[in-house]
Amino acid sequence: MASITKTFTALAIMRLIEQGKLSLDTELKTIAPEVPFTNTWENKHPVKLVHLLEHTTGFDDVHFNALFNNEGPISEYKAVLRYKKSMHCRWYPGERMAYCNTDYVILGYLIEKLSGQTYEAFLTDQVLRPLGMNHSYLNEIHSPLSAYAQGYSWEETGFTKIPSVVMYGKGPGALYSCAADMAKFIQFFLRNGQSASIPVFPASTIDQMEVPTSSVPAQNGMKTGYGLGITTGFLTAKFPFYGHGGLSIDFSSRNCLGRQIKANYLTISKLLIFLIYELN
């Protein structure tokens, strides 16, 4: 699922907020002083949790020479340290949005630190299994290989297999899933936080995730853009769509749902679900 993982990471953070372990306004230097970031504007504009979720920290994105993990399994904190050169604010936090995988590497570490569980265990317990996503995992080693789709690229006269790779840190893009499980994920949003008839998250949490609040444009009334692990798209269509895309070297993925349709999900004629997987 690549970066679709970010929506799941955001949900895990929202669960920690529900548990009273932090808030959207919690400052990064307070909750994790061991994270080695620099921010010239820290006194007046500190890096907060909401900035990490909405890509408004001002951090640089992952540098390509530190993107893919060739070491094997490492801790989430060590993954954070691999991105140390990216963790400097290029402008004051909240000024603007700039997509940044580094933000979600830090969030993956915070989930482990505050929950006392591994990222995989907390996400599985709090999000995947309550949603009935029983065929979704956070694997670094593809085993058995027969359970995973193979990516290909076109090389002039034929297709060539592309080896699958993983990023440092699980928060930005470690999820592997299937169409059936992702359909349950879309239905969970259409039902305003319910899985079947069971409430998993409050409807207010789902609504909050869809609207950005931390950037200057958002504070001046803009309602579209990157929220808490969810972004808007297809803005030229009749209705905006909410969701997330993902891109790795072997696959791209996308999930999205219509905002107005969401309120009428029981009307089948008005229900549109897009779940698109494309080979690069």
Protein backbone atom coordinates (compact mmCIF):
# COMPACT_ATOMS: atom_id res chain seq x y z
CA MET A 1 0.00 0.00 0.00
CA ALA A 2 3.06 2.26 0.28
CA SER A 3 1.98 5.75 1.47
CA ILE A 4 -1.62 4.72 2.08
CA THR A 5 0.00 3.49 5.31
CA LYS A 6 0.07 7.12 6.46
CA THR A 7 -3.70 7.13 6.98
CA PHE A 8 -3.34 4.09 9.26
CA THR A 9 -0.49 5.75 11.15
CA ALA A 10 -2.68 8.83 11.64
CA LEU A 11 -5.50 6.67 13.00
CA ALA A 12 -3.09 5.07 15.48
CA ILE A 13 -2.04 8.55 16.63
CA MET A 14 -5.70 9.55 17.02
CA ARG A 15 -6.19 6.51 19.23
CA LEU A 16 -3.32 7.67 21.46
CA ILE A 17 -4.98 11.09 21.63
CA GLU A 18 -8.24 9.42 22.71
CA GLN A 19 -6.26 7.61 25.41
CA GLY A 20 -5.01 10.95 26.71
CA LYS A 21 -1.34 10.29 25.97
CA LEU A 22 -0.86 13.39 23.82
CA SER A 23 -2.76 16.04 21.84
CA LEU A 24 -2.50 17.61 18.42
CA ASP A 25 -0.80 20.59 20.07
CA THR A 26 1.81 18.50 21.86
CA GLU A 27 5.27 19.82 21.01
CA LEU A 28 7.76 17.37 19.55
CA LYS A 29 10.60 18.62 21.76
CA THR A 30 8.44 17.89 24.82
CA ILE A 31 7.22 14.44 23.89
CA ALA A 32 10.44 13.24 22.23
CA PRO A 33 13.47 15.43 23.04
CA GLU A 34 15.70 12.65 21.69
CA VAL A 35 14.54 13.33 18.11
CA PRO A 36 17.39 15.42 16.64
CA PHE A 37 15.57 18.11 14.67
CA THR A 38 16.45 21.79 14.28
CA ASN A 39 13.98 24.66 14.09
CA THR A 40 15.18 28.26 13.97
CA TRP A 41 11.67 29.43 14.93
CA GLU A 42 11.14 26.97 17.84
CA ASN A 43 10.48 29.66 20.47
CA LYS A 44 7.50 31.16 18.63
CA HIS A 45 6.64 28.37 16.22
CA PRO A 46 7.45 24.99 17.77
CA VAL A 47 7.05 21.73 15.86
CA LYS A 48 3.80 20.14 17.05
CA LEU A 49 2.17 16.78 16.51
CA VAL A 50 -0.37 18.30 14.10
CA HIS A 51 2.48 19.56 11.92
CA LEU A 52 3.84 16.03 11.60
CA LEU A 53 0.42 14.69 10.64
CA GLU A 54 -0.32 17.44 8.09
CA HIS A 55 3.18 17.71 6.56
CA THR A 56 3.59 21.28 7.78
CA THR A 57 6.78 20.86 9.84
CA GLY A 58 8.92 22.35 7.10
CA PHE A 59 11.23 19.31 7.30
CA ASP A 60 12.98 18.19 4.15
CA ASP A 61 11.70 14.99 2.56
CA VAL A 62 13.68 11.78 2.70
CA HIS A 63 16.97 11.99 0.81
CA PHE A 64 17.22 9.28 -1.81
CA ASN A 65 20.46 7.87 -0.41
CA ALA A 66 18.67 7.23 2.90
CA LEU A 67 15.34 6.04 1.51
CA PHE A 68 15.53 2.25 1.20
CA ASN A 69 16.51 -0.10 4.00
CA ASN A 70 19.25 -2.53 3.02
CA GLU A 71 20.15 -3.37 6.61
CA GLY A 72 17.20 -5.52 7.60
CA PRO A 73 14.94 -4.92 10.62
CA ILE A 74 15.95 -1.98 12.83
CA SER A 75 14.15 -0.11 15.60
CA GLU A 76 11.87 2.80 14.78
CA TYR A 77 14.18 5.14 16.66
CA LYS A 78 17.16 4.04 14.56
CA ALA A 79 15.00 4.66 11.49
CA VAL A 80 14.39 8.21 12.73
CA LEU A 81 18.15 8.74 13.01
CA ARG A 82 18.62 7.67 9.39
CA TYR A 83 16.65 10.82 8.45
CA LYS A 84 18.57 13.21 10.69
CA LYS A 85 19.78 15.28 7.71
CA SER A 86 16.16 15.87 6.66
CA MET A 87 14.97 17.09 10.06
CA HIS A 88 15.60 20.80 9.74
CA CYS A 89 12.78 23.34 9.34
CA ARG A 90 13.19 25.20 6.04
CA TRP A 91 10.49 27.67 7.11
CA TYR A 92 8.52 28.07 10.31
CA PRO A 93 6.22 25.13 11.14
CA GLY A 94 2.68 25.78 9.96
CA GLU A 95 3.58 28.24 7.24
CA ARG A 96 2.85 25.81 4.40
CA MET A 97 2.38 22.16 3.52
CA ALA A 98 5.17 20.15 1.86
CA TYR A 99 4.77 16.38 1.62
CA CYS A 100 7.43 14.76 3.79
CA ASN A 101 7.92 11.07 4.58
CA THR A 102 10.24 12.10 7.41
CA ASP A 103 7.22 13.34 9.39
CA TYR A 104 5.63 9.91 9.40
CA VAL A 105 8.84 8.10 10.31
CA ILE A 106 8.81 10.20 13.49
CA LEU A 107 5.10 9.43 14.06
CA GLY A 108 5.82 5.69 13.78
CA TYR A 109 8.43 6.07 16.50
CA LEU A 110 6.06 8.10 18.71
CA ILE A 111 3.46 5.34 18.46
CA GLU A 112 5.95 2.87 19.86
CA LYS A 113 7.22 5.21 22.56
CA LEU A 114 3.80 6.21 23.87
CA SER A 115 1.96 2.91 23.49
CA GLY A 116 4.66 0.65 24.89
CA GLN A 117 4.06 -1.70 21.96
CA THR A 118 5.73 -2.15 18.63
CA TYR A 119 4.27 -0.15 15.76
CA GLU A 120 3.00 -3.40 14.20
CA ALA A 121 1.34 -4.61 17.39
CA PHE A 122 -0.40 -1.32 18.19
CA LEU A 123 -1.64 -0.79 14.64
CA THR A 124 -2.87 -4.38 14.44
CA ASP A 125 -4.65 -4.25 17.81
CA GLN A 126 -6.16 -0.77 17.46
CA VAL A 127 -6.90 -0.45 13.74
CA LEU A 128 -6.46 -3.49 11.49
CA ARG A 129 -8.23 -6.20 13.47
CA PRO A 130 -11.11 -3.99 14.75
CA LEU A 131 -11.79 -3.14 11.09
CA GLY A 132 -11.78 -6.83 10.16
CA MET A 133 -8.64 -6.39 8.03
CA ASN A 134 -7.36 -9.90 8.73
CA HIS A 135 -5.16 -10.17 5.63
CA SER A 136 -3.17 -6.98 6.16
CA TYR A 137 0.29 -6.95 7.67
CA LEU A 138 3.42 -4.89 8.18
CA ASN A 139 6.06 -7.20 6.78
CA GLU A 140 9.67 -6.41 6.06
CA ILE A 141 10.36 -9.90 4.76
CA HIS A 142 8.01 -11.18 2.08
CA SER A 143 7.27 -14.70 3.21
CA PRO A 144 5.89 -16.77 1.70
CA LEU A 145 6.59 -15.08 -1.64
CA SER A 146 3.55 -16.78 -3.18
CA ALA A 147 1.28 -14.62 -1.00
CA TYR A 148 2.47 -11.35 -2.58
CA ALA A 149 1.91 -9.79 -5.98
CA GLN A 150 4.96 -9.38 -8.18
CA GLY A 151 5.75 -5.98 -9.69
CA TYR A 152 7.12 -5.56 -13.21
CA SER A 153 8.50 -2.86 -15.44
CA TRP A 154 8.46 -2.73 -19.23
CA GLU A 155 11.94 -2.96 -20.76
CA GLU A 156 11.65 -2.30 -24.51
CA THR A 157 10.54 -5.79 -25.54
CA GLY A 158 9.11 -7.34 -22.41
CA PHE A 159 8.41 -7.20 -18.70
CA THR A 160 11.13 -7.45 -16.08
CA LYS A 161 10.48 -8.39 -12.47
CA ILE A 162 11.14 -5.59 -9.95
CA PRO A 163 12.43 -6.62 -6.52
CA SER A 164 10.33 -5.28 -3.66
CA VAL A 165 12.08 -2.92 -1.24
CA VAL A 166 11.17 -1.35 2.10
CA MET A 167 11.76 2.12 3.49
CA TYR A 168 13.45 2.96 6.74
CA GLY A 169 10.64 3.32 9.26
CA LYS A 170 7.19 1.79 9.12
CA GLY A 171 5.01 4.87 9.64
CA PRO A 172 5.22 6.21 6.06
CA GLY A 173 4.67 3.07 4.00
CA ALA A 174 5.02 -0.42 5.48
CA LEU A 175 1.50 -1.79 5.02
CA TYR A 176 0.73 -4.77 2.78
CA SER A 177 -2.93 -5.46 2.10
CA CYS A 178 -5.43 -6.73 -0.46
CA ALA A 179 -8.49 -5.41 -2.27
CA ALA A 180 -10.96 -7.10 0.10
CA ASP A 181 -9.37 -5.60 3.21
CA MET A 182 -9.01 -2.17 1.62
CA ALA A 183 -12.72 -2.26 0.72
CA LYS A 184 -13.41 -2.69 4.46
CA PHE A 185 -11.20 0.32 5.12
CA ILE A 186 -13.19 2.46 2.66
CA GLN A 187 -16.45 1.27 4.22
CA PHE A 188 -15.12 2.23 7.65
CA PHE A 189 -14.79 5.85 6.46
CA LEU A 190 -18.14 5.77 4.68
CA ARG A 191 -19.71 4.64 7.96
CA ASN A 192 -18.09 7.50 9.88
CA GLY A 193 -15.78 5.35 12.00
CA GLN A 194 -17.79 2.14 12.25
CA SER A 195 -16.73 -1.32 11.16
CA ALA A 196 -19.98 -3.07 10.21
CA SER A 197 -22.16 -1.99 13.14
CA ILE A 198 -19.32 -1.67 15.67
CA PRO A 199 -17.96 1.82 16.46
CA VAL A 200 -14.16 1.78 16.16
CA PHE A 201 -13.52 5.54 16.15
CA PRO A 202 -15.90 8.44 16.90
CA ALA A 203 -17.40 10.10 13.84
CA SER A 204 -15.88 13.36 15.08
CA THR A 205 -12.40 11.84 14.68
CA ILE A 206 -13.06 10.95 11.05
CA ASP A 207 -14.41 14.44 10.32
CA GLN A 208 -11.42 16.02 12.04
CA MET A 209 -8.96 14.00 9.95
CA GLU A 210 -10.37 15.27 6.67
CA VAL A 211 -9.85 19.00 7.19
CA PRO A 212 -6.40 20.61 7.52
CA THR A 213 -5.92 23.14 10.33
CA SER A 214 -2.23 23.85 10.84
CA SER A 215 -1.10 25.74 7.73
CA VAL A 216 -1.57 29.45 7.03
CA PRO A 217 -4.07 28.72 4.19
CA ALA A 218 -6.06 26.38 6.47
CA GLN A 219 -6.16 28.98 9.24
CA ASN A 220 -7.53 31.45 6.70
CA GLY A 221 -10.44 29.22 5.74
CA MET A 222 -9.17 26.72 3.16
CA LYS A 223 -10.96 23.41 3.81
CA THR A 224 -9.18 21.23 1.25
CA GLY A 225 -5.65 19.91 1.30
CA TYR A 226 -3.73 17.45 3.46
CA GLY A 227 -5.44 16.78 6.78
CA LEU A 228 -4.51 14.18 9.39
CA GLY A 229 -3.21 11.45 7.09
CA ILE A 230 -5.93 12.15 4.50
CA THR A 231 -5.83 14.41 1.46
CA THR A 232 -8.34 15.70 -1.07
CA GLY A 233 -8.27 15.04 -4.78
CA PHE A 234 -10.34 15.31 -7.97
CA LEU A 235 -11.22 18.88 -7.03
CA THR A 236 -12.30 19.62 -10.60
CA ALA A 237 -15.04 17.00 -10.32
CA LYS A 238 -18.53 17.71 -8.97
CA PHE A 239 -17.54 16.50 -5.51
CA PRO A 240 -14.10 16.36 -3.85
CA PHE A 241 -12.71 12.96 -2.94
CA TYR A 242 -10.80 12.07 0.21
CA GLY A 243 -8.17 9.39 0.66
CA HIS A 244 -4.51 8.71 -0.03
CA GLY A 245 -2.24 7.34 -2.72
CA GLY A 246 0.88 5.22 -2.53
CA LEU A 247 3.91 4.72 -4.76
CA SER A 248 6.85 2.35 -4.55
CA ILE A 249 9.26 1.10 -7.19
CA ASP A 250 7.03 -1.88 -8.02
CA PHE A 251 3.43 -0.74 -7.47
CA SER A 252 1.22 2.30 -7.09
CA SER A 253 -2.05 2.32 -5.17
CA ARG A 254 -4.94 4.62 -4.36
CA ASN A 255 -8.07 4.71 -2.24
CA CYS A 256 -10.62 7.48 -2.17
CA LEU A 257 -14.25 8.25 -1.36
CA GLY A 258 -16.60 11.10 -2.17
CA ARG A 259 -17.41 13.49 0.67
CA GLN A 260 -21.07 14.04 -0.21
CA ILE A 261 -21.50 10.37 -1.03
CA LYS A 262 -20.13 9.51 2.40
CA ALA A 263 -23.23 10.93 4.09
CA ASN A 264 -25.49 8.75 1.91
CA TYR A 265 -23.63 5.46 1.88
CA LEU A 266 -26.80 3.41 2.38
CA THR A 267 -28.13 4.68 -0.95
CA ILE A 268 -26.38 2.22 -3.23
CA SER A 269 -27.02 4.31 -6.33
CA LYS A 270 -25.01 7.15 -4.74
CA LEU A 271 -22.18 5.02 -3.42
CA LEU A 272 -18.89 5.20 -5.29
CA ILE A 273 -15.84 3.36 -4.10
CA PHE A 274 -12.58 3.63 -5.98
CA LEU A 275 -9.82 1.18 -5.19
CA ILE A 276 -7.24 1.26 -7.95
CA TYR A 277 -4.05 -0.70 -8.21
CA GLU A 278 -1.76 -0.03 -11.16
CA LEU A 279 1.47 -1.63 -12.21
CA ASN A 280 4.11 1.02 -12.84
